[in-house]
Protein backbone atom coordinates (compact mmCIF):
# COMPACT_ATOMS: atom_id res chain seq x y z
CA MET A 1 -1.53 -24.01 -26.83
CA ILE A 2 -2.56 -23.58 -30.43
CA PHE A 3 -0.41 -25.06 -33.13
CA SER A 4 -0.30 -24.16 -36.88
CA VAL A 5 0.82 -27.35 -38.46
CA ILE A 6 2.02 -27.18 -42.07
CA LEU A 7 2.26 -30.54 -43.91
CA THR A 8 4.57 -30.84 -46.86
CA TYR A 9 4.16 -33.73 -49.32
CA ARG A 10 7.24 -35.73 -49.82
CA ARG A 11 5.92 -38.13 -52.44
CA ALA A 12 4.03 -37.80 -55.67
CA LEU A 13 0.36 -36.86 -55.19
CA GLU A 14 -0.82 -40.32 -56.40
CA GLU A 15 1.06 -41.92 -53.49
CA VAL A 16 -0.21 -39.30 -51.07
CA ASN A 17 -3.77 -40.01 -52.25
CA GLN A 18 -3.40 -43.65 -51.36
CA HIS A 19 -3.37 -42.56 -47.68
CA LEU A 20 -6.12 -39.91 -47.96
CA ASP A 21 -8.97 -42.01 -46.47
CA THR A 22 -6.95 -42.95 -43.31
CA HIS A 23 -5.69 -39.30 -43.10
CA LYS A 24 -9.26 -38.09 -43.14
CA ALA A 25 -10.33 -40.56 -40.60
CA TRP A 26 -7.43 -39.35 -38.28
CA LEU A 27 -8.58 -35.68 -38.77
CA VAL A 28 -12.24 -36.57 -38.01
CA ASP A 29 -11.19 -38.46 -34.78
CA ASN A 30 -9.15 -35.47 -33.71
CA LEU A 31 -11.89 -33.04 -34.66
CA ARG A 32 -14.29 -34.92 -32.46
CA GLN A 33 -11.76 -35.03 -29.56
CA GLY A 34 -11.31 -31.29 -29.85
CA ARG A 35 -7.65 -31.36 -30.75
CA VAL A 36 -8.09 -30.19 -34.36
CA ILE A 37 -9.85 -26.91 -35.00
CA LEU A 38 -9.67 -26.94 -38.82
CA ALA A 39 -7.75 -28.67 -41.58
CA GLY A 40 -7.42 -28.46 -45.36
CA PRO A 41 -5.11 -28.62 -48.37
CA LEU A 42 -2.77 -25.80 -49.30
CA GLU A 43 -3.85 -23.75 -52.24
CA ASP A 44 -0.81 -24.98 -54.36
CA LYS A 45 -1.51 -28.63 -53.43
CA THR A 46 1.91 -29.13 -52.01
CA GLY A 47 0.59 -30.11 -48.59
CA GLY A 48 -1.97 -29.06 -46.00
CA MET A 49 -2.51 -27.13 -42.88
CA VAL A 50 -3.93 -28.24 -39.58
CA LEU A 51 -4.83 -25.88 -36.77
CA ALA A 52 -4.58 -27.87 -33.57
CA VAL A 53 -4.99 -27.40 -29.78
CA CYS A 54 -2.70 -29.46 -27.65
CA ALA A 55 -1.44 -28.99 -24.07
CA ASP A 56 2.17 -29.02 -25.29
CA ARG A 57 4.44 -30.03 -28.13
CA THR A 58 4.78 -33.55 -26.75
CA GLU A 59 1.05 -34.03 -27.09
CA LEU A 60 0.99 -32.50 -30.58
CA GLU A 61 3.93 -34.88 -31.68
CA SER A 62 2.11 -37.87 -30.28
CA MET A 63 -1.01 -36.88 -32.23
CA MET A 64 0.87 -36.18 -35.41
CA ALA A 65 2.70 -39.63 -35.25
CA LYS A 66 -0.70 -41.27 -35.62
CA ASP A 67 -1.44 -39.47 -38.97
CA SER A 68 -0.97 -41.87 -41.83
CA PHE A 69 0.63 -39.16 -43.90
CA ILE A 70 3.40 -38.84 -41.33
CA SER A 71 3.65 -42.54 -40.31
CA THR A 72 4.09 -43.72 -43.93
CA GLY A 73 6.46 -40.89 -44.88
CA VAL A 74 4.29 -39.44 -47.60
CA ALA A 75 4.49 -36.06 -45.79
CA SER A 76 6.54 -34.22 -43.16
CA TYR A 77 5.39 -31.37 -40.95
CA GLN A 78 6.46 -28.17 -39.25
CA ALA A 79 4.51 -26.93 -36.31
CA TYR A 80 4.40 -23.36 -34.93
CA ALA A 81 3.13 -22.81 -31.37
CA CYS A 82 1.13 -19.94 -30.14
CA SER A 83 -0.35 -19.03 -26.81
CA PRO A 84 -3.24 -16.69 -27.84
CA ALA A 85 -3.22 -13.29 -26.24
CA LEU A 86 -6.10 -11.77 -28.26
CA ALA A 87 -9.09 -13.53 -29.89
CA ALA A 88 -12.29 -12.50 -31.72
CA ALA A 89 -15.35 -12.58 -29.42
CA GLN A 90 -16.74 -15.37 -31.58
CA PHE A 91 -13.85 -17.61 -31.13
CA PRO A 92 -14.56 -20.47 -28.56
CA THR A 93 -13.00 -19.72 -25.24
CA ARG A 94 -12.01 -23.32 -24.75
CA TRP A 95 -9.36 -22.99 -27.35
CA ALA A 96 -7.92 -19.71 -26.10
CA ALA A 97 -8.75 -19.47 -22.39
CA GLU A 98 -5.99 -17.05 -21.60
CA ALA A 99 -6.69 -14.63 -24.48
CA LYS A 100 -8.49 -11.27 -24.19
CA PHE A 101 -11.66 -11.47 -26.27
CA ILE A 102 -12.56 -8.43 -28.15
């Protein structure tokens, strides 16, 4: 299942930035494990977005609980789940095995 995760900052950007290094380390770890596809800040700098692949919401919640932004309370998140039905031919099949590739 693919999750679009929207992070919303709950504290001033200065406080958020105090946790940026550990947040980035968490992202890199999850990228290497194949759970995070991409991540980056929102255009308006009020939060960020993570595109993640997890077996289910329980796995996602466990992963998110380890993010320093979440564990310290400087951000919260909303996650939207999708079971891909269609995907571009260039999209890696391991992230959307059930999709029809076009």
